[in-house]
């Protein structure tokens, strides 16, 4: 996802809205092996965006936390 896409999504919410958010940037992983190319990072981001159940465990955790805290 491009930052512009995320900003567009976020702009649909009132600024005071509480959210849970995670994101990863290429620089986080640069020292894993060697510098990551633009092509590599684009492929990783595209694969992540198309991963159907990427957030399943996190969604389950948030749902459980809501139940535990109500």
N, C-alpha and C. Protein backbone atom coordinates (compact mmCIF):
# COMPACT_ATOMS: atom_id res chain seq x y z
N UNK A 1 0.85 -1.17 0.00
CA UNK A 1 0.00 0.00 0.00
C UNK A 1 0.89 1.22 0.00
N UNK A 2 0.52 2.18 -0.76
CA UNK A 2 1.24 3.45 -0.78
C UNK A 2 0.75 4.32 0.37
N UNK A 3 1.61 5.17 0.88
CA UNK A 3 1.25 6.08 1.97
C UNK A 3 0.03 6.91 1.55
N UNK A 4 -0.02 7.34 0.30
CA UNK A 4 -1.15 8.15 -0.18
C UNK A 4 -2.47 7.40 -0.01
N UNK A 5 -2.47 6.08 -0.25
CA UNK A 5 -3.69 5.29 -0.09
C UNK A 5 -4.11 5.24 1.38
N UNK A 6 -3.15 5.08 2.27
CA UNK A 6 -3.45 5.04 3.69
C UNK A 6 -3.99 6.39 4.17
N UNK A 7 -3.39 7.47 3.70
CA UNK A 7 -3.86 8.81 4.07
C UNK A 7 -5.31 9.00 3.60
N UNK A 8 -5.60 8.54 2.39
CA UNK A 8 -6.96 8.65 1.87
C UNK A 8 -7.95 7.89 2.76
N UNK A 9 -7.59 6.70 3.18
CA UNK A 9 -8.45 5.92 4.07
C UNK A 9 -8.59 6.62 5.41
N UNK A 10 -7.47 7.08 5.96
CA UNK A 10 -7.50 7.72 7.27
C UNK A 10 -8.31 9.02 7.25
N UNK A 11 -8.31 9.72 6.13
CA UNK A 11 -9.06 10.97 6.02
C UNK A 11 -10.57 10.77 6.09
N UNK A 12 -11.04 9.53 5.98
CA UNK A 12 -12.47 9.27 6.09
C UNK A 12 -12.91 9.19 7.56
N UNK A 13 -11.95 9.16 8.48
CA UNK A 13 -12.26 9.05 9.91
C UNK A 13 -12.11 10.40 10.59
N UNK A 14 -12.92 10.65 11.61
CA UNK A 14 -12.70 11.86 12.40
C UNK A 14 -11.33 11.79 13.07
N UNK A 15 -10.59 12.90 13.14
CA UNK A 15 -9.23 12.88 13.69
C UNK A 15 -9.15 12.37 15.13
N UNK A 16 -10.24 12.44 15.88
CA UNK A 16 -10.23 12.00 17.28
C UNK A 16 -10.49 10.50 17.42
N UNK A 17 -10.73 9.80 16.33
CA UNK A 17 -11.05 8.38 16.37
C UNK A 17 -9.85 7.58 16.87
N UNK A 18 -10.10 6.72 17.86
CA UNK A 18 -9.07 5.79 18.34
C UNK A 18 -9.00 4.62 17.37
N UNK A 19 -7.79 4.23 16.95
CA UNK A 19 -7.62 3.08 16.08
C UNK A 19 -6.45 2.24 16.59
N UNK A 20 -6.38 1.01 16.14
CA UNK A 20 -5.21 0.16 16.33
C UNK A 20 -4.54 0.06 14.96
N UNK A 21 -3.24 0.30 14.90
CA UNK A 21 -2.57 0.31 13.60
C UNK A 21 -1.19 -0.31 13.70
N UNK A 22 -0.79 -0.97 12.65
CA UNK A 22 0.56 -1.52 12.48
C UNK A 22 1.02 -1.19 11.07
N UNK A 23 2.31 -0.96 10.91
CA UNK A 23 2.86 -0.86 9.56
C UNK A 23 4.34 -1.17 9.61
N UNK A 24 4.86 -1.57 8.46
CA UNK A 24 6.26 -1.88 8.32
C UNK A 24 6.83 -1.05 7.19
N UNK A 25 8.03 -0.56 7.38
CA UNK A 25 8.74 0.19 6.36
C UNK A 25 9.97 -0.60 5.92
N UNK A 26 10.37 -0.37 4.71
CA UNK A 26 11.51 -1.10 4.15
C UNK A 26 12.76 -0.98 5.02
N UNK A 27 13.00 0.19 5.57
CA UNK A 27 14.21 0.42 6.35
C UNK A 27 14.30 -0.50 7.58
N UNK A 28 13.16 -0.96 8.05
CA UNK A 28 13.13 -1.87 9.19
C UNK A 28 13.89 -3.16 8.88
N UNK A 29 13.90 -3.57 7.63
CA UNK A 29 14.47 -4.85 7.24
C UNK A 29 15.78 -4.73 6.47
N UNK A 30 16.28 -3.51 6.27
CA UNK A 30 17.49 -3.32 5.48
C UNK A 30 18.69 -4.08 6.02
N UNK A 31 18.80 -4.21 7.33
CA UNK A 31 19.98 -4.89 7.86
C UNK A 31 19.77 -6.38 8.06
N UNK A 32 18.65 -6.93 7.57
CA UNK A 32 18.42 -8.37 7.64
C UNK A 32 19.43 -9.10 6.78
N UNK A 33 19.67 -8.65 5.60
CA UNK A 33 20.62 -9.26 4.67
C UNK A 33 21.50 -8.19 4.07
N UNK A 34 20.98 -7.54 3.08
CA UNK A 34 21.65 -6.45 2.40
C UNK A 34 20.58 -5.44 2.03
N UNK A 35 20.95 -4.26 1.57
CA UNK A 35 19.92 -3.28 1.23
C UNK A 35 18.86 -3.87 0.30
N UNK A 36 17.62 -3.55 0.57
CA UNK A 36 16.50 -4.07 -0.19
C UNK A 36 16.24 -3.17 -1.39
N UNK A 37 16.11 -3.78 -2.55
CA UNK A 37 15.85 -3.00 -3.76
C UNK A 37 14.40 -2.53 -3.79
N UNK A 38 14.15 -1.51 -4.60
CA UNK A 38 12.78 -1.03 -4.78
C UNK A 38 11.88 -2.15 -5.30
N UNK A 39 12.39 -2.92 -6.25
CA UNK A 39 11.62 -4.00 -6.84
C UNK A 39 11.25 -5.06 -5.80
N UNK A 40 12.21 -5.41 -4.97
CA UNK A 40 11.96 -6.40 -3.92
C UNK A 40 10.90 -5.90 -2.95
N UNK A 41 11.05 -4.67 -2.47
CA UNK A 41 10.10 -4.15 -1.47
C UNK A 41 8.70 -3.99 -2.07
N UNK A 42 8.62 -3.58 -3.33
CA UNK A 42 7.33 -3.47 -4.00
C UNK A 42 6.65 -4.83 -4.06
N UNK A 43 7.41 -5.87 -4.39
CA UNK A 43 6.86 -7.23 -4.45
C UNK A 43 6.38 -7.67 -3.07
N UNK A 44 7.17 -7.42 -2.04
CA UNK A 44 6.78 -7.78 -0.68
C UNK A 44 5.49 -7.07 -0.29
N UNK A 45 5.40 -5.77 -0.56
CA UNK A 45 4.20 -5.00 -0.22
C UNK A 45 2.99 -5.49 -0.99
N UNK A 46 3.16 -5.78 -2.27
CA UNK A 46 2.05 -6.30 -3.06
C UNK A 46 1.58 -7.66 -2.55
N UNK A 47 2.53 -8.53 -2.22
CA UNK A 47 2.18 -9.84 -1.67
C UNK A 47 1.41 -9.67 -0.36
N UNK A 48 1.86 -8.75 0.49
CA UNK A 48 1.20 -8.50 1.77
C UNK A 48 -0.22 -7.98 1.54
N UNK A 49 -0.37 -7.02 0.62
CA UNK A 49 -1.68 -6.45 0.33
C UNK A 49 -2.66 -7.51 -0.18
N UNK A 50 -2.14 -8.51 -0.86
CA UNK A 50 -2.99 -9.56 -1.44
C UNK A 50 -3.13 -10.80 -0.56
N UNK A 51 -2.55 -10.78 0.63
CA UNK A 51 -2.62 -11.89 1.57
C UNK A 51 -3.99 -11.82 2.26
N UNK A 52 -4.87 -12.73 1.90
CA UNK A 52 -6.26 -12.66 2.33
C UNK A 52 -6.45 -12.64 3.84
N UNK A 53 -5.71 -13.44 4.56
CA UNK A 53 -5.94 -13.52 6.01
C UNK A 53 -4.75 -13.01 6.82
N UNK A 54 -4.05 -12.03 6.28
CA UNK A 54 -2.86 -11.50 6.96
C UNK A 54 -3.19 -10.99 8.35
N UNK A 55 -4.34 -10.39 8.52
CA UNK A 55 -4.68 -9.81 9.81
C UNK A 55 -5.51 -10.71 10.71
N UNK A 56 -5.68 -11.98 10.33
CA UNK A 56 -6.57 -12.86 11.08
C UNK A 56 -6.17 -12.99 12.55
N UNK A 57 -4.89 -13.25 12.82
CA UNK A 57 -4.47 -13.40 14.22
C UNK A 57 -4.60 -12.10 14.99
N UNK A 58 -4.28 -11.00 14.36
CA UNK A 58 -4.40 -9.71 15.02
C UNK A 58 -5.87 -9.38 15.26
N UNK A 59 -6.72 -9.65 14.27
CA UNK A 59 -8.15 -9.42 14.44
C UNK A 59 -8.70 -10.25 15.58
N UNK A 60 -8.29 -11.51 15.67
CA UNK A 60 -8.72 -12.36 16.78
C UNK A 60 -8.26 -11.79 18.11
N UNK A 61 -7.01 -11.32 18.17
CA UNK A 61 -6.49 -10.75 19.41
C UNK A 61 -7.28 -9.52 19.82
N UNK A 62 -7.54 -8.62 18.88
CA UNK A 62 -8.30 -7.40 19.19
C UNK A 62 -9.70 -7.78 19.66
N UNK A 63 -10.35 -8.72 18.98
CA UNK A 63 -11.69 -9.16 19.38
C UNK A 63 -11.67 -9.72 20.80
N UNK A 64 -10.68 -10.55 21.10
CA UNK A 64 -10.54 -11.09 22.46
C UNK A 64 -10.29 -9.99 23.48
N UNK A 65 -9.46 -9.03 23.13
CA UNK A 65 -9.16 -7.92 24.05
C UNK A 65 -10.41 -7.09 24.31
N UNK A 66 -11.25 -6.90 23.29
CA UNK A 66 -12.49 -6.16 23.49
C UNK A 66 -13.39 -6.93 24.45
N UNK A 67 -13.51 -8.23 24.26
CA UNK A 67 -14.32 -9.05 25.16
C UNK A 67 -13.77 -9.00 26.56
N UNK A 68 -12.45 -9.13 26.70
CA UNK A 68 -11.82 -9.13 28.02
C UNK A 68 -11.97 -7.80 28.76
N UNK A 69 -12.10 -6.71 28.02
CA UNK A 69 -12.12 -5.39 28.62
C UNK A 69 -13.50 -4.76 28.68
N UNK A 70 -14.53 -5.54 28.37
CA UNK A 70 -15.89 -4.98 28.48
C UNK A 70 -16.59 -5.51 29.70
